[in-house]
Amino acid sequence: MAPKTPDITYVACFTEDDGVYSCGHHHPTVREAMNCLVPDGGSFIRAYDAGIFRSLSNREFIDFLESLEQMPWSHRSKAQGNGLAVPTGNALNRNSP
């Protein structure tokens, strides 16, 4: 993970009809902010850098991508338990030999 500058924190944000909102927490890492994401595709992470919200840098975005599979709602996280999270062709057709 990239070195952390003390004055940069991360927030999970989401949109509603009337604006953009944050989770209200200031997380020390991108990974920790991801715990506040709602996995409906409508939330995202922003950096809070020196009092200003900004998009993630390339390194921060890589941290985000690398952390995705660790999220409890990720199909990859579920696949680490009991086999594939997405059924294979034979699993879909139970009448197959």
Protein backbone atom coordinates (compact mmCIF):
# COMPACT_ATOMS: atom_id res chain seq x y z
CA MET A 1 0.00 0.00 0.00
CA ALA A 2 1.20 3.53 -0.74
CA PRO A 3 2.74 5.58 2.06
CA LYS A 4 0.12 7.63 3.86
CA THR A 5 0.40 11.41 4.22
CA PRO A 6 -1.12 12.44 7.59
CA ASP A 7 -3.28 15.25 6.22
CA ILE A 8 -5.02 13.04 3.62
CA THR A 9 -8.07 11.03 4.63
CA TYR A 10 -10.66 9.17 2.57
CA VAL A 11 -14.45 9.20 2.58
CA ALA A 12 -17.10 7.06 0.96
CA CYS A 13 -19.53 9.21 -1.00
CA PHE A 14 -22.90 8.52 -2.56
CA THR A 15 -25.38 10.45 -4.63
CA GLU A 16 -29.01 11.22 -3.96
CA ASP A 17 -31.46 13.24 -6.02
CA ASP A 18 -30.50 16.41 -4.19
CA GLY A 19 -26.70 16.11 -4.06
CA VAL A 20 -23.55 14.23 -3.13
CA TYR A 21 -23.08 13.04 0.45
CA SER A 22 -20.23 11.44 2.37
CA CYS A 23 -20.24 8.74 5.02
CA GLY A 24 -19.19 11.36 7.58
CA HIS A 25 -16.03 9.50 8.58
CA HIS A 26 -12.46 10.43 7.75
CA HIS A 27 -10.74 7.10 7.09
CA PRO A 28 -6.92 6.85 7.15
CA THR A 29 -6.79 4.57 4.07
CA VAL A 30 -8.72 3.92 0.89
CA ARG A 31 -9.29 0.33 2.07
CA GLU A 32 -10.90 1.45 5.32
CA ALA A 33 -13.15 3.95 3.51
CA MET A 34 -14.37 1.09 1.33
CA ASN A 35 -16.07 -0.42 4.38
CA CYS A 36 -18.60 2.42 4.11
CA LEU A 37 -19.36 1.79 0.42
CA VAL A 38 -22.82 0.58 -0.51
CA PRO A 39 -22.38 -2.08 -3.20
CA ASP A 40 -25.18 -0.77 -5.42
CA GLY A 41 -22.91 1.06 -7.84
CA GLY A 42 -23.92 4.49 -6.55
CA SER A 43 -21.08 5.09 -4.11
CA PHE A 44 -17.44 6.00 -4.57
CA ILE A 45 -14.32 7.04 -2.65
CA ARG A 46 -12.92 10.58 -2.53
CA ALA A 47 -9.71 11.82 -0.96
CA TYR A 48 -9.88 14.70 1.53
CA ASP A 49 -6.58 16.47 1.05
CA ALA A 50 -5.72 19.67 2.96
CA GLY A 51 -9.40 20.54 3.43
CA ILE A 52 -10.45 19.85 -0.18
CA PHE A 53 -12.20 16.80 -1.64
CA ARG A 54 -10.51 15.42 -4.75
CA SER A 55 -10.52 12.37 -6.98
CA LEU A 56 -8.19 9.52 -6.11
CA SER A 57 -4.67 9.66 -7.49
CA ASN A 58 -3.47 6.82 -9.70
CA ARG A 59 -1.78 5.10 -6.71
CA GLU A 60 -4.91 5.52 -4.55
CA PHE A 61 -7.06 4.11 -7.35
CA ILE A 62 -4.77 1.08 -7.56
CA ASP A 63 -5.23 0.63 -3.78
CA PHE A 64 -9.00 0.76 -4.40
CA LEU A 65 -8.84 -1.88 -7.15
CA GLU A 66 -6.58 -4.15 -5.11
CA SER A 67 -8.97 -3.93 -2.14
CA LEU A 68 -12.14 -4.74 -4.10
CA GLU A 69 -11.79 -8.51 -3.83
CA GLN A 70 -11.46 -8.24 -0.04
CA MET A 71 -14.84 -6.57 0.38
CA PRO A 72 -17.45 -8.81 2.05
CA TRP A 73 -19.92 -8.11 -0.79
CA SER A 74 -17.41 -9.00 -3.52
CA HIS A 75 -18.10 -12.17 -5.52
CA ARG A 76 -14.37 -12.92 -5.25
CA SER A 77 -14.53 -12.69 -1.46
CA LYS A 78 -17.44 -15.15 -1.44
CA ALA A 79 -15.57 -17.46 -3.81
CA GLN A 80 -12.80 -17.89 -1.26
CA GLY A 81 -15.24 -19.71 1.00
CA ASN A 82 -17.05 -22.64 -0.66
CA GLY A 83 -16.06 -22.74 -4.31
CA LEU A 84 -17.17 -20.42 -7.08
CA ALA A 85 -19.59 -17.62 -6.32
CA VAL A 86 -20.82 -17.68 -9.93
CA PRO A 87 -22.21 -21.10 -10.88
CA THR A 88 -20.70 -22.99 -13.80
CA GLY A 89 -22.75 -24.34 -16.69
CA ASN A 90 -23.35 -27.74 -15.03
CA ALA A 91 -24.43 -26.12 -11.78
CA LEU A 92 -27.11 -24.17 -13.64
CA ASN A 93 -28.61 -27.27 -15.21
CA ARG A 94 -29.13 -29.71 -12.37
CA ASN A 95 -30.55 -32.35 -14.73
CA SER A 96 -27.19 -32.67 -16.52
CA PRO A 97 -25.20 -35.87 -15.96
